[in-house]
């Protein structure tokens, strides 16, 4: 059996009991509180994995309820050699469609000094995520093609606070700063992963939330949930195939 142990963080779908062989749940306390869910340790394709769902059964989808730094600490303590995070994003690039994947390598945080629904005065540049390992990138690219995803190698992720939808004014401000993607914040995960020297590699899935179209002021929450659930199954299969091919 491979000595690789991959920590996987993601949204709905990762709490599927059929995903792992010989699953074992583990409770974890960290200096930052409890992680977003129980660790589920097991095997996929003869490789050890530890799965941590951000939005498991009964868990609020609100990222304000997710202790991101605790997630990373828990996976580090579980002995993960690197972390593969899946997240959801809204795209500001018209060529991207819901279901597209982006391999992320940079995060910019707009959350400080936010007033009501508009960000003002300050932009915080967070540490870059670990660049993708060549073998992992190759496996993900191959699997993404097989499952019909369109994928993009790089993207700049703009992070925001909370489950809310951008106004047109906010979206235009993001575009002014050259943003390609908008996401509910995962920056604390990236920051702590860098601090504790655990490679953190992230895939963003385009779901069209926090972006606007000409005839919309916002995107409905129901539409977001429907797209996330649909794409969660595809991403889950993508991860399994990728681990098999590593």
Protein backbone atom coordinates (compact mmCIF):
# COMPACT_ATOMS: atom_id res chain seq x y z
CA UNK A 1 0.00 0.00 0.00
CA UNK A 2 1.19 3.48 -0.84
CA UNK A 3 2.50 5.64 2.00
CA UNK A 4 0.73 8.65 0.49
CA UNK A 5 -2.04 9.97 2.69
CA UNK A 6 -4.24 12.53 0.99
CA UNK A 7 -6.47 14.88 2.95
CA UNK A 8 -9.58 15.84 0.99
CA UNK A 9 -11.72 18.82 1.97
CA UNK A 10 -14.89 19.60 0.10
CA UNK A 11 -18.58 20.23 0.12
CA UNK A 12 -21.65 18.10 -0.25
CA UNK A 13 -21.14 14.59 -1.52
CA UNK A 14 -18.02 13.75 0.49
CA UNK A 15 -20.12 12.29 3.31
CA UNK A 16 -21.16 9.40 1.02
CA UNK A 17 -20.61 6.19 3.09
CA UNK A 18 -19.83 4.26 -0.12
CA UNK A 19 -16.90 6.50 -0.99
CA UNK A 20 -14.26 4.75 1.13
CA UNK A 21 -13.17 1.20 1.85
CA UNK A 22 -12.78 0.34 5.54
CA UNK A 23 -14.00 3.75 6.72
CA UNK A 24 -13.24 4.81 10.26
CA UNK A 25 -14.61 7.97 11.83
CA UNK A 26 -12.47 10.00 14.17
CA UNK A 27 -13.39 12.95 16.35
CA UNK A 28 -10.80 15.70 16.50
CA UNK A 29 -10.25 18.68 18.77
CA UNK A 30 -7.77 21.33 17.67
CA UNK A 31 -6.43 24.60 19.10
CA UNK A 32 -8.95 26.27 16.79
CA UNK A 33 -11.96 24.26 17.88
CA UNK A 34 -13.61 21.36 16.11
CA UNK A 35 -13.25 20.99 12.34
CA UNK A 36 -16.30 21.22 10.11
CA UNK A 37 -17.02 17.49 10.37
CA UNK A 38 -15.63 14.23 11.71
CA UNK A 39 -12.54 12.90 9.99
CA UNK A 40 -13.35 9.83 7.91
CA UNK A 41 -10.23 7.76 7.33
CA UNK A 42 -10.16 5.00 4.76
CA UNK A 43 -8.78 3.82 1.45
CA UNK A 44 -9.40 4.63 -2.19
CA UNK A 45 -7.56 2.56 -4.79
CA UNK A 46 -5.08 1.29 -2.20
CA UNK A 47 -4.15 4.79 -1.03
CA UNK A 48 -4.91 6.19 2.38
CA UNK A 49 -7.20 9.20 2.43
CA UNK A 50 -8.79 11.33 5.10
CA UNK A 51 -11.99 13.09 4.14
CA UNK A 52 -13.38 16.16 5.85
CA UNK A 53 -16.72 17.45 4.53
CA UNK A 54 -17.44 21.14 4.85
CA UNK A 55 -21.16 20.60 4.29
CA UNK A 56 -22.02 17.18 5.66
CA UNK A 57 -25.50 16.01 6.59
CA UNK A 58 -27.03 18.41 9.08
CA UNK A 59 -24.24 20.97 8.66
CA UNK A 60 -25.06 24.52 7.73
CA UNK A 61 -23.82 25.62 4.33
CA UNK A 62 -22.83 28.96 5.78
CA UNK A 63 -19.02 29.30 5.69
CA UNK A 64 -19.21 31.52 8.75
CA UNK A 65 -19.94 28.31 10.68
CA UNK A 66 -16.89 26.47 9.36
CA UNK A 67 -13.64 26.65 11.40
CA UNK A 68 -11.28 26.60 8.44
CA UNK A 69 -8.02 26.57 10.42
CA UNK A 70 -9.31 23.65 12.48
CA UNK A 71 -9.83 21.70 9.25
CA UNK A 72 -6.18 22.00 8.29
CA UNK A 73 -4.91 21.24 11.78
CA UNK A 74 -7.04 18.11 11.98
CA UNK A 75 -5.75 16.77 8.66
CA UNK A 76 -2.17 17.55 9.65
CA UNK A 77 -2.59 15.67 12.93
CA UNK A 78 -4.08 12.75 10.96
CA UNK A 79 -0.77 12.50 9.09
CA UNK A 80 -1.84 13.79 5.67
CA UNK A 81 1.10 14.44 3.38
CA UNK A 82 -0.87 16.96 1.33
CA UNK A 83 -4.37 18.36 1.07
CA UNK A 84 -6.62 18.56 -1.94
CA UNK A 85 -9.46 21.02 -1.41
CA UNK A 86 -12.52 21.36 -3.59
CA UNK A 87 -14.57 24.50 -3.36
CA UNK A 88 -17.28 26.33 -5.26
CA UNK A 89 -16.96 29.66 -6.99
CA UNK A 90 -18.79 32.18 -9.08
CA UNK A 91 -17.04 33.12 -12.29
CA UNK A 92 -16.49 36.61 -13.66
CA UNK A 93 -15.04 35.19 -16.86
CA UNK A 94 -17.78 34.75 -19.42
CA UNK A 95 -16.04 31.77 -21.03
CA UNK A 96 -16.58 29.75 -17.85
CA UNK A 97 -19.80 27.84 -17.30
CA UNK A 98 -21.28 26.10 -14.24
CA UNK A 99 -19.41 22.84 -13.76
CA UNK A 100 -16.08 24.11 -15.12
CA UNK A 101 -13.02 23.45 -12.96
CA UNK A 102 -10.16 25.80 -12.15
CA UNK A 103 -6.83 24.78 -10.66
CA UNK A 104 -6.19 27.65 -8.25
CA UNK A 105 -2.87 29.04 -7.19
CA UNK A 106 -3.66 32.48 -5.80
CA UNK A 107 -6.15 33.95 -3.35
CA UNK A 108 -6.96 37.61 -2.72
CA UNK A 109 -9.13 38.54 0.24
CA UNK A 110 -11.56 41.48 0.09
CA UNK A 111 -13.17 40.92 3.47
CA UNK A 112 -11.59 43.60 5.66
CA UNK A 113 -13.39 46.90 6.28
CA UNK A 114 -16.49 45.69 4.52
CA UNK A 115 -19.45 48.06 4.89
CA UNK A 116 -22.88 46.63 4.22
CA UNK A 117 -22.66 44.98 0.79
CA UNK A 118 -19.71 46.85 -0.63
CA UNK A 119 -15.99 46.49 0.01
CA UNK A 120 -14.01 49.67 0.45
CA UNK A 121 -10.48 50.92 0.99
CA UNK A 122 -8.46 47.78 1.54
CA UNK A 123 -7.42 44.67 -0.35
CA UNK A 124 -5.61 41.90 1.49
CA UNK A 125 -3.36 39.61 -0.52
CA UNK A 126 -3.11 36.21 1.13
CA UNK A 127 -0.30 33.68 0.72
CA UNK A 128 -0.45 31.65 -2.45
CA UNK A 129 -1.58 28.06 -2.24
CA UNK A 130 0.96 25.35 -2.95
CA UNK A 131 1.40 24.80 -6.73
CA UNK A 132 -0.06 21.54 -7.95
CA UNK A 133 2.15 18.49 -7.94
CA UNK A 134 2.76 17.50 -11.58
CA UNK A 135 1.41 13.96 -11.16
CA UNK A 136 -1.71 15.15 -9.35
CA UNK A 137 -2.37 17.85 -11.94
CA UNK A 138 -1.95 15.32 -14.76
CA UNK A 139 -4.31 12.85 -13.09
CA UNK A 140 -6.91 15.56 -12.42
CA UNK A 141 -6.70 16.89 -15.96
CA UNK A 142 -7.11 13.41 -17.44
CA UNK A 143 -10.04 12.58 -15.17
CA UNK A 144 -11.69 15.97 -15.73
CA UNK A 145 -11.62 15.40 -19.48
CA UNK A 146 -13.09 11.92 -19.09
CA UNK A 147 -15.96 13.26 -16.98
CA UNK A 148 -16.73 16.10 -19.38
CA UNK A 149 -15.42 18.98 -17.27
CA UNK A 150 -13.81 21.95 -18.95
CA UNK A 151 -10.80 22.89 -16.87
CA UNK A 152 -8.62 25.98 -16.54
CA UNK A 153 -5.05 25.85 -15.28
CA UNK A 154 -4.89 29.05 -13.24
CA UNK A 155 -7.21 31.52 -11.61
CA UNK A 156 -7.24 34.37 -9.14
CA UNK A 157 -9.79 33.72 -6.42
CA UNK A 158 -11.43 36.69 -4.75
CA UNK A 159 -12.78 35.64 -1.37
CA UNK A 160 -15.72 37.16 0.47
CA UNK A 161 -17.45 36.72 3.80
CA UNK A 162 -20.59 34.76 4.28
CA UNK A 163 -23.43 33.31 2.22
CA UNK A 164 -24.46 36.36 0.27
CA UNK A 165 -24.78 37.39 -3.33
CA UNK A 166 -22.82 40.16 -4.98
CA UNK A 167 -24.49 43.24 -6.32
CA UNK A 168 -23.57 44.49 -9.76
CA UNK A 169 -21.47 47.22 -8.16
CA UNK A 170 -19.41 44.66 -6.24
CA UNK A 171 -18.95 42.49 -9.29
CA UNK A 172 -17.72 45.44 -11.31
CA UNK A 173 -15.29 46.29 -8.54
CA UNK A 174 -13.95 42.73 -8.61
CA UNK A 175 -13.52 42.98 -12.37
CA UNK A 176 -11.68 46.28 -11.94
CA UNK A 177 -9.17 44.46 -9.76
CA UNK A 178 -8.72 41.78 -12.41
CA UNK A 179 -10.60 39.08 -10.57
CA UNK A 180 -11.39 35.90 -12.43
CA UNK A 181 -13.34 34.12 -9.68
CA UNK A 182 -15.30 34.94 -6.55
CA UNK A 183 -15.56 32.52 -3.64
CA UNK A 184 -16.77 32.28 -0.08
CA UNK A 185 -13.59 32.45 1.93
CA UNK A 186 -11.21 29.52 2.26
CA UNK A 187 -8.24 31.79 2.90
CA UNK A 188 -7.73 30.66 6.54
CA UNK A 189 -7.18 27.10 5.27
CA UNK A 190 -4.50 28.27 2.84
CA UNK A 191 -2.79 30.43 5.45
CA UNK A 192 -2.55 27.71 8.09
CA UNK A 193 -1.48 25.09 5.54
CA UNK A 194 1.42 27.37 4.61
CA UNK A 195 2.29 27.92 8.27
CA UNK A 196 2.42 24.22 9.09
CA UNK A 197 4.06 23.36 5.74
CA UNK A 198 1.40 21.01 4.42
CA UNK A 199 0.93 21.43 0.65
CA UNK A 200 -2.58 22.70 -0.06
CA UNK A 201 -3.88 22.45 -3.60
CA UNK A 202 -7.30 23.71 -4.57
CA UNK A 203 -9.81 23.10 -7.32
CA UNK A 204 -12.67 25.55 -7.75
CA UNK A 205 -15.93 24.51 -9.37
CA UNK A 206 -17.91 27.23 -11.14
CA UNK A 207 -21.49 27.44 -9.80
CA UNK A 208 -22.45 31.00 -10.82
CA UNK A 209 -23.05 32.29 -7.34
CA UNK A 210 -21.70 35.68 -6.40
CA UNK A 211 -21.66 36.75 -10.00
CA UNK A 212 -24.23 38.65 -11.96
CA UNK A 213 -25.82 38.52 -15.37
CA UNK A 214 -27.28 41.53 -17.14
CA UNK A 215 -30.86 40.85 -16.05
CA UNK A 216 -30.08 39.76 -12.49
CA UNK A 217 -29.28 41.58 -9.30
CA UNK A 218 -28.25 38.29 -7.68
CA UNK A 219 -28.38 34.54 -8.10
CA UNK A 220 -30.95 32.63 -6.08
CA UNK A 221 -29.83 30.47 -3.18
CA UNK A 222 -31.97 27.58 -4.47
CA UNK A 223 -30.12 27.68 -7.78
CA UNK A 224 -26.79 27.59 -5.98
CA UNK A 225 -27.81 24.54 -3.95
CA UNK A 226 -29.12 22.72 -7.02
CA UNK A 227 -25.90 23.30 -8.93
CA UNK A 228 -23.72 22.36 -5.99
CA UNK A 229 -25.56 19.07 -5.46
CA UNK A 230 -25.41 18.20 -9.14
CA UNK A 231 -21.73 18.97 -9.47
CA UNK A 232 -20.81 17.39 -6.12
CA UNK A 233 -21.41 13.92 -7.55
CA UNK A 234 -19.25 14.68 -10.56
CA UNK A 235 -16.44 16.09 -8.42
CA UNK A 236 -16.61 13.07 -6.10
CA UNK A 237 -16.14 10.75 -9.08
CA UNK A 238 -13.34 12.97 -10.34
CA UNK A 239 -11.50 12.69 -7.02
CA UNK A 240 -11.88 8.91 -6.90
CA UNK A 241 -10.59 8.54 -10.47
CA UNK A 242 -7.69 10.90 -9.77
CA UNK A 243 -6.59 8.95 -6.70
CA UNK A 244 -6.81 5.72 -8.67
CA UNK A 245 -4.49 7.19 -11.31
CA UNK A 246 -1.87 8.61 -8.96
